[in-house]
Amino acid sequence: MAVRSDKPEGAGGPAAPAGSGGGRPLGSRAPLFIRRSRPLHVSWQVAVFVAGLAVVGLGVVLLPLPGPGWVVIFLGMGIWATEFVWAQLVLRWTRRKVAEAAERALDPQVRRRNIVLTVIGLAVIAAVAGWYLWRFGAVLPWDLH
């Protein structure tokens, strides 16, 4: 459940737990007049959940298709994070992990290793493709005669 506060952000609202790594307070970012009315706030939460679910569902559909599936999934998580503490915590954790991975990727040893592994992988793919073409030849699936 979201942390509720009748105070606007920056006016002594709920603070993020220590060590959470986020600058924004946790909880609902709904306008104050919505947060003051329980039925209106629950309706708002349902609408945000449904909108986020639709975007995350679209992202899941886009995963096997050519398209930005993960970007759309994280966009849906961002929609959820406007209202739900659990989504805010997941996004903070994800941002921290992405920053750590980017920092590791800039390490010269890691970059050198990644380049070597990429070259080896491409050489193996080229060798398999060459063997296949030598063994079976290149036959088009349609007849152009």
N, C-alpha and C. Protein backbone atom coordinates (compact mmCIF):
# COMPACT_ATOMS: atom_id res chain seq x y z
N MET A 1 0.83 -1.17 0.00
CA MET A 1 0.00 0.00 0.00
C MET A 1 0.88 1.23 0.00
N ALA A 2 0.45 2.27 -0.65
CA ALA A 2 1.23 3.50 -0.77
C ALA A 2 1.27 4.24 0.56
N VAL A 3 2.37 4.94 0.80
CA VAL A 3 2.49 5.77 1.97
C VAL A 3 1.71 7.04 1.70
N ARG A 4 0.75 7.36 2.56
CA ARG A 4 -0.10 8.52 2.33
C ARG A 4 0.37 9.68 3.19
N SER A 5 0.23 10.85 2.63
CA SER A 5 0.52 12.06 3.37
C SER A 5 -0.36 13.16 2.82
N ASP A 6 -0.91 13.99 3.70
CA ASP A 6 -1.71 15.11 3.25
C ASP A 6 -0.86 16.33 2.96
N LYS A 7 0.44 16.22 3.20
CA LYS A 7 1.34 17.34 2.94
C LYS A 7 1.89 17.21 1.53
N PRO A 8 2.00 18.32 0.79
CA PRO A 8 2.60 18.22 -0.54
C PRO A 8 4.07 17.86 -0.44
N GLU A 9 4.62 17.38 -1.58
CA GLU A 9 6.03 17.01 -1.61
C GLU A 9 6.89 18.18 -1.19
N GLY A 10 7.95 17.86 -0.46
CA GLY A 10 8.87 18.89 -0.05
C GLY A 10 8.40 19.64 1.20
N ALA A 11 7.21 19.34 1.68
CA ALA A 11 6.69 20.03 2.86
C ALA A 11 6.62 19.07 4.04
N GLY A 12 7.62 18.24 4.18
CA GLY A 12 7.66 17.32 5.31
C GLY A 12 6.86 16.07 5.08
N GLY A 13 6.65 15.68 3.80
CA GLY A 13 5.94 14.46 3.47
C GLY A 13 6.78 13.25 3.86
N PRO A 14 6.34 12.05 3.53
CA PRO A 14 7.09 10.85 3.90
C PRO A 14 8.45 10.84 3.22
N ALA A 15 9.45 10.53 3.98
CA ALA A 15 10.82 10.51 3.44
C ALA A 15 11.17 9.10 2.99
N ALA A 16 12.12 9.03 2.09
CA ALA A 16 12.61 7.74 1.62
C ALA A 16 13.38 7.07 2.76
N PRO A 17 13.31 5.74 2.86
CA PRO A 17 14.06 5.05 3.90
C PRO A 17 15.55 5.24 3.70
N ALA A 18 16.28 5.17 4.79
CA ALA A 18 17.73 5.33 4.72
C ALA A 18 18.34 4.25 3.86
N GLY A 19 19.26 4.65 2.99
CA GLY A 19 19.95 3.69 2.14
C GLY A 19 19.18 3.29 0.91
N SER A 20 18.04 3.94 0.64
CA SER A 20 17.25 3.56 -0.53
C SER A 20 17.81 4.18 -1.80
N GLY A 21 18.65 5.20 -1.66
CA GLY A 21 19.33 5.74 -2.82
C GLY A 21 18.50 6.68 -3.66
N GLY A 22 17.32 7.05 -3.22
CA GLY A 22 16.48 7.93 -4.03
C GLY A 22 16.35 9.29 -3.38
N GLY A 23 16.15 10.32 -4.18
CA GLY A 23 16.00 11.64 -3.66
C GLY A 23 14.55 12.00 -3.40
N ARG A 24 13.65 11.38 -4.13
CA ARG A 24 12.22 11.69 -3.97
C ARG A 24 11.63 10.87 -2.84
N PRO A 25 10.64 11.44 -2.15
CA PRO A 25 9.98 10.66 -1.11
C PRO A 25 9.12 9.56 -1.74
N LEU A 26 8.93 8.49 -0.97
CA LEU A 26 8.12 7.38 -1.45
C LEU A 26 6.64 7.69 -1.25
N GLY A 27 5.81 7.11 -2.08
CA GLY A 27 4.38 7.24 -1.91
C GLY A 27 3.71 7.87 -3.11
N SER A 28 2.44 8.15 -2.94
CA SER A 28 1.61 8.64 -4.02
C SER A 28 2.04 10.04 -4.46
N ARG A 29 2.02 10.24 -5.76
CA ARG A 29 2.29 11.56 -6.32
C ARG A 29 1.01 12.16 -6.89
N ALA A 30 -0.11 11.62 -6.46
CA ALA A 30 -1.40 12.15 -6.90
C ALA A 30 -1.57 13.56 -6.35
N PRO A 31 -2.34 14.39 -7.04
CA PRO A 31 -2.60 15.74 -6.51
C PRO A 31 -3.25 15.67 -5.13
N LEU A 32 -3.04 16.71 -4.36
CA LEU A 32 -3.48 16.73 -2.97
C LEU A 32 -4.99 16.54 -2.83
N PHE A 33 -5.79 17.15 -3.72
CA PHE A 33 -7.24 17.01 -3.60
C PHE A 33 -7.68 15.57 -3.84
N ILE A 34 -6.91 14.79 -4.61
CA ILE A 34 -7.25 13.38 -4.83
C ILE A 34 -6.86 12.57 -3.61
N ARG A 35 -5.70 12.86 -3.03
CA ARG A 35 -5.24 12.11 -1.86
C ARG A 35 -6.12 12.34 -0.64
N ARG A 36 -6.81 13.46 -0.57
CA ARG A 36 -7.64 13.77 0.60
C ARG A 36 -8.94 12.95 0.62
N SER A 37 -9.41 12.54 -0.54
CA SER A 37 -10.65 11.77 -0.61
C SER A 37 -10.31 10.30 -0.84
N ARG A 38 -10.63 9.44 0.12
CA ARG A 38 -10.29 8.01 0.03
C ARG A 38 -10.90 7.36 -1.22
N PRO A 39 -12.20 7.54 -1.51
CA PRO A 39 -12.75 6.90 -2.71
C PRO A 39 -12.10 7.42 -4.01
N LEU A 40 -11.82 8.71 -4.05
CA LEU A 40 -11.19 9.29 -5.23
C LEU A 40 -9.76 8.78 -5.38
N HIS A 41 -9.06 8.64 -4.26
CA HIS A 41 -7.67 8.15 -4.31
C HIS A 41 -7.62 6.69 -4.74
N VAL A 42 -8.53 5.88 -4.24
CA VAL A 42 -8.57 4.47 -4.65
C VAL A 42 -8.90 4.37 -6.14
N SER A 43 -9.84 5.19 -6.60
CA SER A 43 -10.17 5.20 -8.03
C SER A 43 -8.95 5.61 -8.86
N TRP A 44 -8.22 6.60 -8.36
CA TRP A 44 -7.00 7.06 -9.03
C TRP A 44 -5.98 5.91 -9.10
N GLN A 45 -5.81 5.20 -7.99
CA GLN A 45 -4.86 4.09 -7.96
C GLN A 45 -5.26 2.99 -8.94
N VAL A 46 -6.54 2.69 -9.02
CA VAL A 46 -7.02 1.68 -9.96
C VAL A 46 -6.73 2.12 -11.39
N ALA A 47 -6.99 3.40 -11.70
CA ALA A 47 -6.73 3.90 -13.06
C ALA A 47 -5.24 3.85 -13.39
N VAL A 48 -4.39 4.22 -12.44
CA VAL A 48 -2.94 4.18 -12.66
C VAL A 48 -2.49 2.73 -12.84
N PHE A 49 -3.03 1.82 -12.04
CA PHE A 49 -2.65 0.42 -12.16
C PHE A 49 -3.05 -0.15 -13.52
N VAL A 50 -4.25 0.15 -13.97
CA VAL A 50 -4.73 -0.36 -15.26
C VAL A 50 -3.90 0.23 -16.40
N ALA A 51 -3.60 1.53 -16.34
CA ALA A 51 -2.78 2.15 -17.39
C ALA A 51 -1.38 1.54 -17.41
N GLY A 52 -0.76 1.37 -16.24
CA GLY A 52 0.56 0.74 -16.17
C GLY A 52 0.53 -0.69 -16.65
N LEU A 53 -0.54 -1.43 -16.30
CA LEU A 53 -0.67 -2.81 -16.74
C LEU A 53 -0.78 -2.90 -18.25
N ALA A 54 -1.52 -1.98 -18.87
CA ALA A 54 -1.65 -1.98 -20.32
C ALA A 54 -0.30 -1.73 -20.99
N VAL A 55 0.48 -0.79 -20.45
CA VAL A 55 1.78 -0.47 -21.05
C VAL A 55 2.76 -1.63 -20.83
N VAL A 56 2.77 -2.21 -19.63
CA VAL A 56 3.66 -3.35 -19.37
C VAL A 56 3.25 -4.53 -20.25
N GLY A 57 1.96 -4.77 -20.40
CA GLY A 57 1.49 -5.85 -21.28
C GLY A 57 1.94 -5.63 -22.72
N LEU A 58 1.86 -4.40 -23.21
CA LEU A 58 2.35 -4.09 -24.55
C LEU A 58 3.84 -4.36 -24.65
N GLY A 59 4.59 -4.01 -23.62
CA GLY A 59 6.03 -4.27 -23.61
C GLY A 59 6.34 -5.76 -23.66
N VAL A 60 5.57 -6.55 -22.93
CA VAL A 60 5.77 -8.00 -22.94
C VAL A 60 5.48 -8.56 -24.33
N VAL A 61 4.44 -8.03 -25.00
CA VAL A 61 4.14 -8.47 -26.36
C VAL A 61 5.26 -8.08 -27.31
N LEU A 62 5.88 -6.92 -27.08
CA LEU A 62 6.95 -6.45 -27.97
C LEU A 62 8.29 -7.16 -27.74
N LEU A 63 8.43 -7.89 -26.63
CA LEU A 63 9.71 -8.55 -26.36
C LEU A 63 10.16 -9.47 -27.50
N PRO A 64 9.34 -10.40 -27.98
CA PRO A 64 9.82 -11.26 -29.07
C PRO A 64 9.75 -10.59 -30.45
N LEU A 65 9.03 -9.49 -30.54
CA LEU A 65 8.89 -8.79 -31.81
C LEU A 65 9.97 -7.72 -31.93
N PRO A 66 10.23 -7.28 -33.16
CA PRO A 66 11.19 -6.18 -33.28
C PRO A 66 10.57 -4.89 -32.75
N GLY A 67 11.08 -4.44 -31.66
CA GLY A 67 10.54 -3.24 -31.05
C GLY A 67 11.18 -3.04 -29.68
N PRO A 68 10.93 -1.91 -29.09
CA PRO A 68 11.57 -1.58 -27.81
C PRO A 68 10.82 -2.18 -26.62
N GLY A 69 10.78 -3.50 -26.51
CA GLY A 69 10.01 -4.17 -25.47
C GLY A 69 10.40 -3.76 -24.07
N TRP A 70 11.70 -3.81 -23.74
CA TRP A 70 12.13 -3.48 -22.39
C TRP A 70 11.89 -2.01 -22.07
N VAL A 71 12.06 -1.14 -23.05
CA VAL A 71 11.81 0.28 -22.82
C VAL A 71 10.35 0.50 -22.46
N VAL A 72 9.46 -0.17 -23.17
CA VAL A 72 8.02 -0.03 -22.91
C VAL A 72 7.67 -0.61 -21.54
N ILE A 73 8.28 -1.72 -21.17
CA ILE A 73 8.04 -2.30 -19.84
C ILE A 73 8.47 -1.33 -18.75
N PHE A 74 9.64 -0.72 -18.90
CA PHE A 74 10.09 0.23 -17.88
C PHE A 74 9.25 1.50 -17.89
N LEU A 75 8.70 1.87 -19.03
CA LEU A 75 7.77 2.99 -19.07
C LEU A 75 6.52 2.67 -18.25
N GLY A 76 6.01 1.46 -18.39
CA GLY A 76 4.87 1.03 -17.58
C GLY A 76 5.20 1.00 -16.10
N MET A 77 6.42 0.56 -15.77
CA MET A 77 6.84 0.58 -14.36
C MET A 77 6.91 2.02 -13.86
N GLY A 78 7.33 2.95 -14.73
CA GLY A 78 7.35 4.35 -14.35
C GLY A 78 5.96 4.90 -14.09
N ILE A 79 5.00 4.43 -14.86
CA ILE A 79 3.61 4.83 -14.61
C ILE A 79 3.16 4.31 -13.24
N TRP A 80 3.46 3.04 -12.96
CA TRP A 80 3.11 2.49 -11.65
C TRP A 80 3.83 3.23 -10.53
N ALA A 81 5.07 3.65 -10.78
CA ALA A 81 5.86 4.29 -9.72
C ALA A 81 5.30 5.66 -9.34
N THR A 82 4.42 6.22 -10.14
CA THR A 82 3.81 7.49 -9.74
C THR A 82 2.85 7.29 -8.57
N GLU A 83 2.46 6.04 -8.31
CA GLU A 83 1.45 5.80 -7.29
C GLU A 83 1.83 4.74 -6.26
N PHE A 84 2.66 3.76 -6.63
CA PHE A 84 2.89 2.61 -5.77
C PHE A 84 4.34 2.56 -5.29
N VAL A 85 4.52 2.36 -3.99
CA VAL A 85 5.85 2.33 -3.39
C VAL A 85 6.66 1.16 -3.92
N TRP A 86 6.04 -0.01 -4.10
CA TRP A 86 6.79 -1.18 -4.58
C TRP A 86 7.39 -0.91 -5.96
N ALA A 87 6.68 -0.21 -6.82
CA ALA A 87 7.22 0.11 -8.15
C ALA A 87 8.35 1.14 -8.04
N GLN A 88 8.22 2.08 -7.12
CA GLN A 88 9.29 3.05 -6.91
C GLN A 88 10.56 2.36 -6.45
N LEU A 89 10.43 1.40 -5.54
CA LEU A 89 11.60 0.67 -5.05
C LEU A 89 12.22 -0.19 -6.15
N VAL A 90 11.39 -0.82 -6.99
CA VAL A 90 11.91 -1.63 -8.10
C VAL A 90 12.68 -0.74 -9.08
N LEU A 91 12.14 0.43 -9.39
CA LEU A 91 12.83 1.33 -10.31
C LEU A 91 14.13 1.87 -9.72
N ARG A 92 14.14 2.16 -8.43
CA ARG A 92 15.40 2.60 -7.79
C ARG A 92 16.45 1.51 -7.86
N TRP A 93 16.05 0.27 -7.58
CA TRP A 93 16.98 -0.86 -7.64
C TRP A 93 17.50 -1.03 -9.07
N THR A 94 16.59 -0.92 -10.06
CA THR A 94 16.98 -1.08 -11.47
C THR A 94 17.95 0.02 -11.89
N ARG A 95 17.66 1.25 -11.52
CA ARG A 95 18.57 2.36 -11.86
C ARG A 95 19.95 2.13 -11.26
N ARG A 96 20.00 1.67 -10.01
CA ARG A 96 21.28 1.42 -9.36
C ARG A 96 22.05 0.31 -10.08
N LYS A 97 21.34 -0.77 -10.46
CA LYS A 97 22.01 -1.87 -11.16
C LYS A 97 22.50 -1.45 -12.54
N VAL A 98 21.71 -0.65 -13.25
CA VAL A 98 22.12 -0.17 -14.58
C VAL A 98 23.34 0.73 -14.45
N ALA A 99 23.36 1.59 -13.44
CA ALA A 99 24.52 2.47 -13.24
C ALA A 99 25.77 1.65 -12.91
N GLU A 100 25.61 0.61 -12.09
CA GLU A 100 26.75 -0.25 -11.77
C GLU A 100 27.25 -0.98 -13.01
N ALA A 101 26.33 -1.48 -13.83
CA ALA A 101 26.73 -2.18 -15.06
C ALA A 101 27.43 -1.24 -16.03
N ALA A 102 26.94 -0.02 -16.14
CA ALA A 102 27.58 0.96 -17.03
C ALA A 102 28.98 1.29 -16.53
N GLU A 103 29.14 1.39 -15.22
CA GLU A 103 30.45 1.67 -14.66
C GLU A 103 31.42 0.51 -14.92
N ARG A 104 30.92 -0.73 -14.75
CA ARG A 104 31.76 -1.90 -15.02
C ARG A 104 32.12 -2.00 -16.50
N ALA A 105 31.18 -1.62 -17.38
CA ALA A 105 31.43 -1.72 -18.82
C ALA A 105 32.51 -0.75 -19.28
N LEU A 106 32.71 0.32 -18.54
CA LEU A 106 33.74 1.29 -18.91
C LEU A 106 35.13 0.88 -18.46
N ASP A 107 35.23 -0.17 -17.66
CA ASP A 107 36.52 -0.67 -17.21
C ASP A 107 37.30 -1.20 -18.42
N PRO A 108 38.54 -0.75 -18.64
CA PRO A 108 39.30 -1.17 -19.83
C PRO A 108 39.46 -2.69 -19.95
N GLN A 109 39.66 -3.39 -18.85
CA GLN A 109 39.81 -4.85 -18.91
C GLN A 109 38.51 -5.51 -19.36
N VAL A 110 37.39 -5.03 -18.84
CA VAL A 110 36.09 -5.60 -19.22
C VAL A 110 35.82 -5.31 -20.70
N ARG A 111 36.12 -4.09 -21.15
CA ARG A 111 35.92 -3.75 -22.56
C ARG A 111 36.77 -4.64 -23.46
N ARG A 112 38.03 -4.85 -23.09
CA ARG A 112 38.92 -5.70 -23.88
C ARG A 112 38.38 -7.12 -23.94
N ARG A 113 37.93 -7.64 -22.80
CA ARG A 113 37.37 -8.99 -22.76
C ARG A 113 36.12 -9.09 -23.63
N ASN A 114 35.25 -8.08 -23.56
CA ASN A 114 34.03 -8.10 -24.37
C ASN A 114 34.35 -8.04 -25.86
N ILE A 115 35.34 -7.26 -26.25
CA ILE A 115 35.74 -7.19 -27.66
C ILE A 115 36.29 -8.52 -28.12
N VAL A 116 37.14 -9.16 -27.30
CA VAL A 116 37.70 -10.46 -27.67
C VAL A 116 36.60 -11.50 -27.80
N LEU A 117 35.66 -11.53 -26.86
CA LEU A 117 34.57 -12.51 -26.93
C LEU A 117 33.69 -12.25 -28.15
N THR A 118 33.45 -10.99 -28.50
CA THR A 118 32.65 -10.67 -29.68
C THR A 118 33.35 -11.13 -30.95
N VAL A 119 34.64 -10.89 -31.05
CA VAL A 119 35.39 -11.32 -32.24
C VAL A 119 35.39 -12.84 -32.35
N ILE A 120 35.59 -13.54 -31.23
CA ILE A 120 35.57 -15.01 -31.26
C ILE A 120 34.19 -15.50 -31.67
N GLY A 121 33.13 -14.91 -31.11
CA GLY A 121 31.77 -15.31 -31.47
C GLY A 121 31.48 -15.08 -32.95
N LEU A 122 31.88 -13.94 -33.49
CA LEU A 122 31.68 -13.66 -34.91
C LEU A 122 32.48 -14.62 -35.79
N ALA A 123 33.69 -14.98 -35.35
CA ALA A 123 34.50 -15.94 -36.12
C ALA A 123 33.83 -17.31 -36.13
N VAL A 124 33.27 -17.74 -35.01
CA VAL A 124 32.58 -19.03 -34.96
C VAL A 124 31.35 -19.01 -35.87
N ILE A 125 30.59 -17.92 -35.83
CA ILE A 125 29.41 -17.81 -36.69
C ILE A 125 29.81 -17.82 -38.16
N ALA A 126 30.88 -17.10 -38.51
CA ALA A 126 31.36 -17.08 -39.90
C ALA A 126 31.83 -18.47 -40.32
N ALA A 127 32.51 -19.19 -39.44
CA ALA A 127 32.99 -20.53 -39.78
C ALA A 127 31.80 -21.48 -40.00
N VAL A 128 30.81 -21.44 -39.14
CA VAL A 128 29.64 -22.30 -39.30
C VAL A 128 28.89 -21.95 -40.59
N ALA A 129 28.71 -20.66 -40.87
CA ALA A 129 28.04 -20.25 -42.11
C ALA A 129 28.85 -20.68 -43.32
N GLY A 130 30.16 -20.54 -43.27
CA GLY A 130 31.02 -20.99 -44.38
C GLY A 130 30.92 -22.48 -44.61
N TRP A 131 30.96 -23.27 -43.54
CA TRP A 131 30.83 -24.72 -43.67
C TRP A 131 29.48 -25.08 -44.28
N TYR A 132 28.42 -24.43 -43.82
CA TYR A 132 27.07 -24.72 -44.32
C TYR A 132 27.00 -24.42 -45.82
N LEU A 133 27.51 -23.25 -46.22
CA LEU A 133 27.48 -22.89 -47.64
C LEU A 133 28.34 -23.84 -48.47
N TRP A 134 29.50 -24.27 -47.95
CA TRP A 134 30.36 -25.21 -48.67
C TRP A 134 29.68 -26.57 -48.79
N ARG A 135 29.01 -27.00 -47.73
CA ARG A 135 28.39 -28.33 -47.71
C ARG A 135 27.09 -28.37 -48.52
N PHE A 136 26.22 -27.36 -48.35
CA PHE A 136 24.90 -27.40 -48.95
C PHE A 136 24.70 -26.36 -50.05
N GLY A 137 25.54 -25.37 -50.10
CA GLY A 137 25.40 -24.33 -51.11
C GLY A 137 24.31 -23.34 -50.73
N ALA A 138 24.20 -22.31 -51.54
CA ALA A 138 23.18 -21.28 -51.30
C ALA A 138 22.03 -21.53 -52.26
N VAL A 139 20.93 -22.02 -51.75
CA VAL A 139 19.76 -22.30 -52.57
C VAL A 139 18.66 -21.34 -52.15
N LEU A 140 18.16 -20.59 -53.11
CA LEU A 140 17.08 -19.67 -52.81
C LEU A 140 15.77 -20.44 -52.67
N PRO A 141 14.89 -20.02 -51.80
CA PRO A 141 13.65 -20.76 -51.60
C PRO A 141 12.64 -20.56 -52.71
N TRP A 142 12.95 -19.77 -53.72
CA TRP A 142 12.03 -19.56 -54.83
C TRP A 142 12.78 -19.80 -56.15
N ASP A 143 12.05 -20.14 -57.16
CA ASP A 143 12.64 -20.45 -58.47
C ASP A 143 12.46 -19.23 -59.37
N LEU A 144 13.56 -18.67 -59.87
CA LEU A 144 13.49 -17.45 -60.69
C LEU A 144 13.63 -17.75 -62.17
N HIS A 145 13.54 -19.01 -62.61
CA HIS A 145 13.70 -19.34 -64.04
C HIS A 145 12.46 -19.05 -64.81
